[in-house]
Amino acid sequence: MSFSVMECAQCGHRVYPARLWCPACGHERAREVAVEQAELLAWTRVPGKGGDADGVFATVNALPRGPLLVVRLADMPQGVGQRLRLSTRTAHGAALPWAQALPQGDAVPGEG
């Protein structure tokens, strides 16, 4: 599983969502790249409405080179710095970023 972000074809700067031009260098071409892991920076729990389950949302840094993403978490996290696996879930026709905790020692070598 992974989540797709856009990477500038000239300088490699990564963004999500897609931009018309790179905010780092102004180049107009980008390619879609997959990011599989992220590091947890902060999170919050949002109460559910009308009997729905609470939602857990987090700010994460996609590894190894970003970008920062706001994701929905499958479960409450353990703490800042926790490694997460990124994935995509579709809701109302839109692909949304989700994350879940990686098992201990399951980080991809060279990332982070």
N, C-alpha and C. Protein backbone atom coordinates (compact mmCIF):
# COMPACT_ATOMS: atom_id res chain seq x y z
N MET A 1 0.83 -1.17 0.00
CA MET A 1 0.00 0.00 0.00
C MET A 1 0.87 1.24 0.00
N SER A 2 0.34 2.32 -0.58
CA SER A 2 1.06 3.58 -0.59
C SER A 2 0.07 4.70 -0.89
N PHE A 3 0.58 5.91 -0.88
CA PHE A 3 -0.20 7.09 -1.22
C PHE A 3 0.61 7.87 -2.24
N SER A 4 -0.05 8.48 -3.21
CA SER A 4 0.65 9.19 -4.28
C SER A 4 0.70 10.69 -4.02
N VAL A 5 1.89 11.25 -4.23
CA VAL A 5 2.10 12.70 -4.16
C VAL A 5 2.76 13.12 -5.47
N MET A 6 2.90 14.42 -5.68
CA MET A 6 3.53 14.92 -6.90
C MET A 6 4.95 15.37 -6.59
N GLU A 7 5.88 15.03 -7.51
CA GLU A 7 7.29 15.38 -7.36
C GLU A 7 7.72 16.20 -8.56
N CYS A 8 8.33 17.36 -8.32
CA CYS A 8 8.80 18.23 -9.39
C CYS A 8 9.83 17.49 -10.24
N ALA A 9 9.66 17.55 -11.56
CA ALA A 9 10.58 16.88 -12.48
C ALA A 9 11.94 17.57 -12.53
N GLN A 10 12.01 18.82 -12.08
CA GLN A 10 13.27 19.55 -12.13
C GLN A 10 14.05 19.47 -10.81
N CYS A 11 13.39 19.80 -9.69
CA CYS A 11 14.13 19.89 -8.42
C CYS A 11 13.80 18.78 -7.43
N GLY A 12 12.75 17.99 -7.68
CA GLY A 12 12.41 16.89 -6.79
C GLY A 12 11.55 17.27 -5.59
N HIS A 13 11.15 18.54 -5.49
CA HIS A 13 10.28 18.98 -4.39
C HIS A 13 8.95 18.23 -4.47
N ARG A 14 8.44 17.76 -3.33
CA ARG A 14 7.20 16.98 -3.30
C ARG A 14 6.07 17.78 -2.67
N VAL A 15 4.87 17.65 -3.27
CA VAL A 15 3.69 18.36 -2.78
C VAL A 15 2.47 17.46 -2.84
N TYR A 16 1.48 17.79 -2.01
CA TYR A 16 0.15 17.21 -2.09
C TYR A 16 -0.79 18.23 -1.49
N PRO A 17 -1.86 18.57 -2.18
CA PRO A 17 -2.29 18.06 -3.49
C PRO A 17 -1.45 18.65 -4.62
N ALA A 18 -1.73 18.22 -5.84
CA ALA A 18 -0.98 18.67 -7.02
C ALA A 18 -1.07 20.19 -7.16
N ARG A 19 -0.02 20.79 -7.70
CA ARG A 19 0.03 22.23 -7.98
C ARG A 19 0.24 22.44 -9.48
N LEU A 20 -0.07 23.62 -9.96
CA LEU A 20 0.15 23.94 -11.37
C LEU A 20 1.63 24.11 -11.67
N TRP A 21 2.41 24.56 -10.68
CA TRP A 21 3.85 24.68 -10.82
C TRP A 21 4.49 24.42 -9.45
N CYS A 22 5.76 24.10 -9.49
CA CYS A 22 6.49 23.77 -8.27
C CYS A 22 6.64 25.01 -7.39
N PRO A 23 6.26 24.94 -6.11
CA PRO A 23 6.43 26.08 -5.22
C PRO A 23 7.89 26.36 -4.87
N ALA A 24 8.77 25.38 -5.11
CA ALA A 24 10.19 25.57 -4.79
C ALA A 24 10.97 26.21 -5.94
N CYS A 25 10.68 25.79 -7.20
CA CYS A 25 11.48 26.29 -8.33
C CYS A 25 10.66 26.88 -9.47
N GLY A 26 9.35 26.72 -9.45
CA GLY A 26 8.49 27.27 -10.49
C GLY A 26 8.32 26.40 -11.72
N HIS A 27 8.98 25.25 -11.76
CA HIS A 27 8.87 24.35 -12.91
C HIS A 27 7.44 23.85 -13.06
N GLU A 28 7.00 23.62 -14.30
CA GLU A 28 5.61 23.25 -14.56
C GLU A 28 5.37 21.76 -14.74
N ARG A 29 6.39 20.93 -14.68
CA ARG A 29 6.19 19.49 -14.87
C ARG A 29 6.45 18.75 -13.57
N ALA A 30 5.56 17.80 -13.31
CA ALA A 30 5.69 16.97 -12.10
C ALA A 30 5.29 15.55 -12.45
N ARG A 31 5.76 14.64 -11.63
CA ARG A 31 5.40 13.23 -11.82
C ARG A 31 4.80 12.70 -10.52
N GLU A 32 3.93 11.73 -10.66
CA GLU A 32 3.31 11.10 -9.50
C GLU A 32 4.28 10.08 -8.93
N VAL A 33 4.51 10.13 -7.62
CA VAL A 33 5.38 9.16 -6.95
C VAL A 33 4.64 8.59 -5.74
N ALA A 34 4.95 7.36 -5.41
CA ALA A 34 4.32 6.70 -4.27
C ALA A 34 5.16 6.92 -3.01
N VAL A 35 4.49 7.22 -1.92
CA VAL A 35 5.14 7.28 -0.61
C VAL A 35 4.46 6.22 0.26
N GLU A 36 5.26 5.43 0.94
CA GLU A 36 4.73 4.29 1.69
C GLU A 36 4.69 4.51 3.19
N GLN A 37 5.61 5.34 3.69
CA GLN A 37 5.70 5.53 5.14
C GLN A 37 5.71 6.99 5.50
N ALA A 38 5.38 7.25 6.77
CA ALA A 38 5.40 8.60 7.30
C ALA A 38 5.77 8.56 8.77
N GLU A 39 6.19 9.72 9.27
CA GLU A 39 6.48 9.89 10.69
C GLU A 39 5.41 10.78 11.30
N LEU A 40 4.83 10.35 12.40
CA LEU A 40 3.77 11.09 13.08
C LEU A 40 4.33 12.34 13.74
N LEU A 41 3.70 13.49 13.47
CA LEU A 41 4.12 14.75 14.08
C LEU A 41 3.14 15.22 15.15
N ALA A 42 1.83 15.08 14.90
CA ALA A 42 0.80 15.50 15.85
C ALA A 42 -0.51 14.85 15.45
N TRP A 43 -1.46 14.75 16.40
CA TRP A 43 -2.76 14.17 16.08
C TRP A 43 -3.84 14.76 16.98
N THR A 44 -5.08 14.56 16.55
CA THR A 44 -6.23 14.99 17.33
C THR A 44 -7.38 14.02 17.11
N ARG A 45 -8.25 13.92 18.09
CA ARG A 45 -9.44 13.07 17.99
C ARG A 45 -10.64 13.98 17.80
N VAL A 46 -11.46 13.66 16.80
CA VAL A 46 -12.66 14.44 16.50
C VAL A 46 -13.88 13.59 16.83
N PRO A 47 -14.76 14.07 17.72
CA PRO A 47 -15.94 13.28 18.08
C PRO A 47 -16.82 13.00 16.87
N GLY A 48 -17.34 11.78 16.80
CA GLY A 48 -18.24 11.41 15.71
C GLY A 48 -19.60 12.06 15.89
N LYS A 49 -20.34 12.16 14.79
CA LYS A 49 -21.67 12.75 14.83
C LYS A 49 -22.73 11.66 14.71
N GLY A 50 -23.81 11.79 15.45
CA GLY A 50 -24.94 10.89 15.31
C GLY A 50 -24.61 9.43 15.47
N GLY A 51 -23.78 9.10 16.44
CA GLY A 51 -23.45 7.70 16.68
C GLY A 51 -22.27 7.17 15.87
N ASP A 52 -21.70 8.01 14.98
CA ASP A 52 -20.52 7.59 14.23
C ASP A 52 -19.32 7.48 15.17
N ALA A 53 -18.38 6.64 14.82
CA ALA A 53 -17.16 6.49 15.61
C ALA A 53 -16.34 7.78 15.55
N ASP A 54 -15.57 8.03 16.61
CA ASP A 54 -14.67 9.18 16.61
C ASP A 54 -13.65 9.02 15.49
N GLY A 55 -13.20 10.15 14.95
CA GLY A 55 -12.15 10.14 13.94
C GLY A 55 -10.84 10.58 14.56
N VAL A 56 -9.74 10.01 14.10
CA VAL A 56 -8.41 10.41 14.55
C VAL A 56 -7.67 10.93 13.33
N PHE A 57 -7.25 12.19 13.39
CA PHE A 57 -6.56 12.83 12.28
C PHE A 57 -5.17 13.25 12.73
N ALA A 58 -4.22 13.21 11.79
CA ALA A 58 -2.83 13.49 12.16
C ALA A 58 -2.12 14.28 11.08
N THR A 59 -1.11 15.01 11.52
CA THR A 59 -0.15 15.62 10.61
C THR A 59 1.06 14.70 10.60
N VAL A 60 1.49 14.33 9.39
CA VAL A 60 2.63 13.42 9.25
C VAL A 60 3.59 13.97 8.21
N ASN A 61 4.83 13.54 8.30
CA ASN A 61 5.83 13.84 7.28
C ASN A 61 6.07 12.57 6.49
N ALA A 62 5.72 12.59 5.20
CA ALA A 62 5.96 11.43 4.35
C ALA A 62 7.46 11.21 4.24
N LEU A 63 7.89 9.96 4.34
CA LEU A 63 9.32 9.64 4.31
C LEU A 63 9.71 9.10 2.94
N PRO A 64 10.89 9.42 2.45
CA PRO A 64 11.97 10.07 3.16
C PRO A 64 12.03 11.59 2.98
N ARG A 65 11.31 12.19 2.00
CA ARG A 65 11.50 13.61 1.69
C ARG A 65 10.22 14.42 1.67
N GLY A 66 9.21 14.01 2.40
CA GLY A 66 7.98 14.79 2.45
C GLY A 66 7.06 14.44 1.31
N PRO A 67 5.97 15.14 1.26
CA PRO A 67 5.58 16.37 1.93
C PRO A 67 4.87 16.10 3.25
N LEU A 68 4.49 17.19 3.93
CA LEU A 68 3.62 17.07 5.09
C LEU A 68 2.22 16.74 4.60
N LEU A 69 1.54 15.85 5.30
CA LEU A 69 0.19 15.44 4.93
C LEU A 69 -0.70 15.46 6.17
N VAL A 70 -1.97 15.70 5.96
CA VAL A 70 -2.98 15.48 6.99
C VAL A 70 -3.67 14.18 6.61
N VAL A 71 -3.63 13.20 7.50
CA VAL A 71 -4.17 11.87 7.22
C VAL A 71 -5.18 11.48 8.28
N ARG A 72 -5.99 10.51 7.95
CA ARG A 72 -6.87 9.90 8.95
C ARG A 72 -6.18 8.64 9.43
N LEU A 73 -6.20 8.42 10.73
CA LEU A 73 -5.56 7.25 11.32
C LEU A 73 -6.59 6.16 11.58
N ALA A 74 -6.18 4.94 11.37
CA ALA A 74 -7.06 3.79 11.62
C ALA A 74 -7.26 3.58 13.13
N ASP A 75 -6.25 3.90 13.94
CA ASP A 75 -6.30 3.70 15.40
C ASP A 75 -5.59 4.86 16.08
N MET A 76 -5.77 4.98 17.39
CA MET A 76 -5.05 5.99 18.17
C MET A 76 -3.55 5.67 18.10
N PRO A 77 -2.72 6.69 17.88
CA PRO A 77 -1.28 6.45 17.80
C PRO A 77 -0.65 6.29 19.19
N GLN A 78 0.61 5.79 19.19
CA GLN A 78 1.34 5.62 20.44
C GLN A 78 2.04 6.90 20.86
N GLY A 79 2.54 7.67 19.88
CA GLY A 79 3.22 8.91 20.23
C GLY A 79 3.92 9.54 19.04
N VAL A 80 4.35 10.78 19.25
CA VAL A 80 5.08 11.52 18.23
C VAL A 80 6.31 10.73 17.80
N GLY A 81 6.59 10.73 16.51
CA GLY A 81 7.73 9.99 15.99
C GLY A 81 7.40 8.58 15.54
N GLN A 82 6.20 8.12 15.86
CA GLN A 82 5.79 6.76 15.46
C GLN A 82 5.79 6.65 13.94
N ARG A 83 6.24 5.50 13.44
CA ARG A 83 6.23 5.22 12.01
C ARG A 83 4.87 4.69 11.60
N LEU A 84 4.38 5.19 10.47
CA LEU A 84 3.07 4.81 9.96
C LEU A 84 3.18 4.36 8.51
N ARG A 85 2.29 3.46 8.11
CA ARG A 85 2.18 3.03 6.72
C ARG A 85 1.05 3.82 6.09
N LEU A 86 1.33 4.47 4.95
CA LEU A 86 0.34 5.28 4.24
C LEU A 86 -0.46 4.43 3.27
N SER A 87 -1.71 4.80 3.09
CA SER A 87 -2.57 4.13 2.12
C SER A 87 -3.61 5.12 1.62
N THR A 88 -4.38 4.68 0.65
CA THR A 88 -5.44 5.50 0.07
C THR A 88 -6.78 4.82 0.30
N ARG A 89 -7.76 5.59 0.70
CA ARG A 89 -9.14 5.11 0.76
C ARG A 89 -9.99 6.11 -0.01
N THR A 90 -10.95 5.60 -0.75
CA THR A 90 -11.81 6.47 -1.54
C THR A 90 -13.12 6.73 -0.80
N ALA A 91 -13.48 8.01 -0.72
CA ALA A 91 -14.74 8.41 -0.09
C ALA A 91 -15.37 9.50 -0.94
N HIS A 92 -16.60 9.29 -1.34
CA HIS A 92 -17.34 10.27 -2.15
C HIS A 92 -16.57 10.62 -3.43
N GLY A 93 -15.90 9.63 -4.02
CA GLY A 93 -15.18 9.81 -5.28
C GLY A 93 -13.81 10.44 -5.16
N ALA A 94 -13.34 10.71 -3.96
CA ALA A 94 -12.02 11.32 -3.77
C ALA A 94 -11.09 10.35 -3.05
N ALA A 95 -9.84 10.28 -3.52
CA ALA A 95 -8.81 9.46 -2.87
C ALA A 95 -8.26 10.24 -1.68
N LEU A 96 -8.37 9.67 -0.49
CA LEU A 96 -7.95 10.34 0.73
C LEU A 96 -6.82 9.58 1.41
N PRO A 97 -5.86 10.33 2.02
CA PRO A 97 -4.74 9.68 2.70
C PRO A 97 -5.14 9.12 4.06
N TRP A 98 -4.78 7.87 4.31
CA TRP A 98 -4.99 7.19 5.58
C TRP A 98 -3.64 6.65 6.04
N ALA A 99 -3.54 6.34 7.32
CA ALA A 99 -2.30 5.76 7.85
C ALA A 99 -2.63 4.81 8.99
N GLN A 100 -1.76 3.83 9.16
CA GLN A 100 -1.86 2.92 10.30
C GLN A 100 -0.46 2.63 10.80
N ALA A 101 -0.38 2.25 12.07
CA ALA A 101 0.91 2.01 12.70
C ALA A 101 1.64 0.86 12.02
N LEU A 102 2.95 1.03 11.87
CA LEU A 102 3.80 -0.05 11.39
C LEU A 102 4.16 -0.95 12.56
N PRO A 103 4.23 -2.25 12.35
CA PRO A 103 4.74 -3.12 13.40
C PRO A 103 6.18 -2.72 13.75
N GLN A 104 6.58 -2.90 14.99
CA GLN A 104 7.95 -2.58 15.41
C GLN A 104 8.96 -3.23 14.48
N GLY A 105 9.96 -2.45 14.05
CA GLY A 105 11.02 -2.99 13.21
C GLY A 105 10.64 -3.17 11.76
N ASP A 106 9.48 -2.64 11.33
CA ASP A 106 9.02 -2.83 9.96
C ASP A 106 9.27 -1.60 9.09
N ALA A 107 10.14 -0.69 9.53
CA ALA A 107 10.43 0.50 8.74
C ALA A 107 11.25 0.11 7.51
N VAL A 108 11.02 0.83 6.42
CA VAL A 108 11.77 0.58 5.19
C VAL A 108 13.18 1.09 5.37
N PRO A 109 14.22 0.28 5.08
CA PRO A 109 15.60 0.73 5.23
C PRO A 109 15.87 1.98 4.40
N GLY A 110 16.62 2.92 5.00
CA GLY A 110 17.00 4.13 4.29
C GLY A 110 15.95 5.22 4.33
N GLU A 111 14.82 5.00 4.97
CA GLU A 111 13.79 6.03 5.05
C GLU A 111 13.71 6.52 6.49
N GLY A 112 14.02 7.80 6.65
CA GLY A 112 13.88 8.41 7.97
C GLY A 112 15.12 8.63 8.66
